[in-house]
Protein backbone atom coordinates (compact mmCIF):
# COMPACT_ATOMS: atom_id res chain seq x y z
CA UNK A 1 103.76 74.23 31.99
CA UNK A 2 102.73 74.28 35.66
CA UNK A 3 105.39 73.21 38.21
CA UNK A 4 104.59 72.18 41.73
CA UNK A 5 106.29 70.78 44.78
CA UNK A 6 104.92 68.03 47.04
CA UNK A 7 105.97 68.09 50.64
CA UNK A 8 105.05 67.69 54.33
CA UNK A 9 105.09 71.05 56.08
CA UNK A 10 107.39 71.56 59.04
CA UNK A 11 106.12 71.42 62.57
CA UNK A 12 105.27 74.83 64.01
CA UNK A 13 108.22 75.66 66.47
CA UNK A 14 105.80 77.22 68.87
CA UNK A 15 103.89 73.98 69.43
CA UNK A 16 105.24 70.76 70.96
CA UNK A 17 102.72 68.43 69.36
CA UNK A 18 102.77 66.88 65.96
CA UNK A 19 99.08 67.42 65.02
CA UNK A 20 98.33 68.12 61.39
CA UNK A 21 101.85 67.35 60.38
CA UNK A 22 101.12 64.22 58.44
CA UNK A 23 99.31 65.86 55.44
CA UNK A 24 101.04 66.12 52.12
CA UNK A 25 100.83 69.49 50.41
CA UNK A 26 100.81 70.14 46.68
CA UNK A 27 101.93 73.79 46.18
CA UNK A 28 102.54 75.56 42.83
CA UNK A 29 105.72 77.46 42.28
CA UNK A 30 105.68 81.17 41.41
CA UNK A 31 106.60 81.79 37.72
CA UNK A 32 107.56 85.52 37.56
CA UNK A 33 107.69 87.13 41.10
CA UNK A 34 107.83 90.88 40.82
CA UNK A 35 108.13 93.70 43.32
CA UNK A 36 105.21 95.90 44.09
CA UNK A 37 106.37 99.52 43.43
CA UNK A 38 104.20 101.06 46.07
CA UNK A 39 104.78 98.82 49.07
CA UNK A 40 107.93 96.94 47.98
CA UNK A 41 106.24 93.58 48.59
CA UNK A 42 106.80 90.57 46.33
CA UNK A 43 103.80 89.93 44.19
CA UNK A 44 102.78 87.94 41.09
CA UNK A 45 99.98 87.77 38.59
CA UNK A 46 99.99 83.98 38.79
CA UNK A 47 97.01 83.00 41.05
CA UNK A 48 98.06 79.34 41.21
CA UNK A 49 100.65 80.25 43.81
CA UNK A 50 97.86 80.94 46.27
CA UNK A 51 96.53 77.43 45.93
CA UNK A 52 97.62 74.66 48.28
CA UNK A 53 96.14 71.21 48.08
CA UNK A 54 96.16 68.78 50.94
CA UNK A 55 96.40 64.98 50.46
CA UNK A 56 96.45 62.17 53.11
CA UNK A 57 99.31 60.41 51.40
CA UNK A 58 102.27 61.09 49.04
CA UNK A 59 100.86 58.62 46.44
CA UNK A 60 97.54 60.43 46.22
CA UNK A 61 99.36 63.76 45.58
CA UNK A 62 101.72 62.21 42.86
CA UNK A 63 98.61 60.59 41.11
CA UNK A 64 96.80 63.91 41.12
CA UNK A 65 99.88 65.67 39.61
CA UNK A 66 100.15 63.03 36.91
CA UNK A 67 96.46 63.05 36.10
CA UNK A 68 96.48 66.89 35.70
CA UNK A 69 99.82 66.81 33.76
CA UNK A 70 101.67 68.95 36.32
CA UNK A 71 105.50 68.77 36.50
CA UNK A 72 106.20 68.04 40.22
CA UNK A 73 109.08 67.64 42.63
CA UNK A 74 108.66 65.44 45.72
CA UNK A 75 110.52 66.69 48.78
CA UNK A 76 110.75 63.76 51.31
CA UNK A 77 110.74 64.71 55.05
CA UNK A 78 113.82 64.27 57.04
CA UNK A 79 113.68 61.77 59.95
CA UNK A 80 113.47 63.47 63.31
CA UNK A 81 116.18 62.54 65.76
CA UNK A 82 114.46 61.94 69.10
CA UNK A 83 116.70 62.25 72.17
CA UNK A 84 115.20 60.79 75.34
CA UNK A 85 115.97 63.10 78.29
CA UNK A 86 115.53 62.71 81.97
CA UNK A 87 115.11 65.52 84.39
CA UNK A 88 117.70 63.78 86.73
CA UNK A 89 120.36 64.10 83.97
CA UNK A 90 120.63 67.85 84.77
CA UNK A 91 122.06 67.00 88.24
CA UNK A 92 124.32 63.99 87.41
CA UNK A 93 127.75 65.43 86.51
């Protein structure tokens, strides 16, 4: 049976903007990861792990998983804590 996780990817730490961070991703889990004897890299014969599907909403991703009979796990995003800062606060002590 195929297993997948549905989530919103984290923001790139090298960027300050939030562009492309509102898409939901359906990603399949690796069944039997193995170690490549030549290079030592993790590898698998399961090609579904290379597939990432993008959806505009969580409900669309869940409906797709149900329609294709895929076991899924939804990982809800954590709320960001926004701290408003002022440049003048650096000098007020």
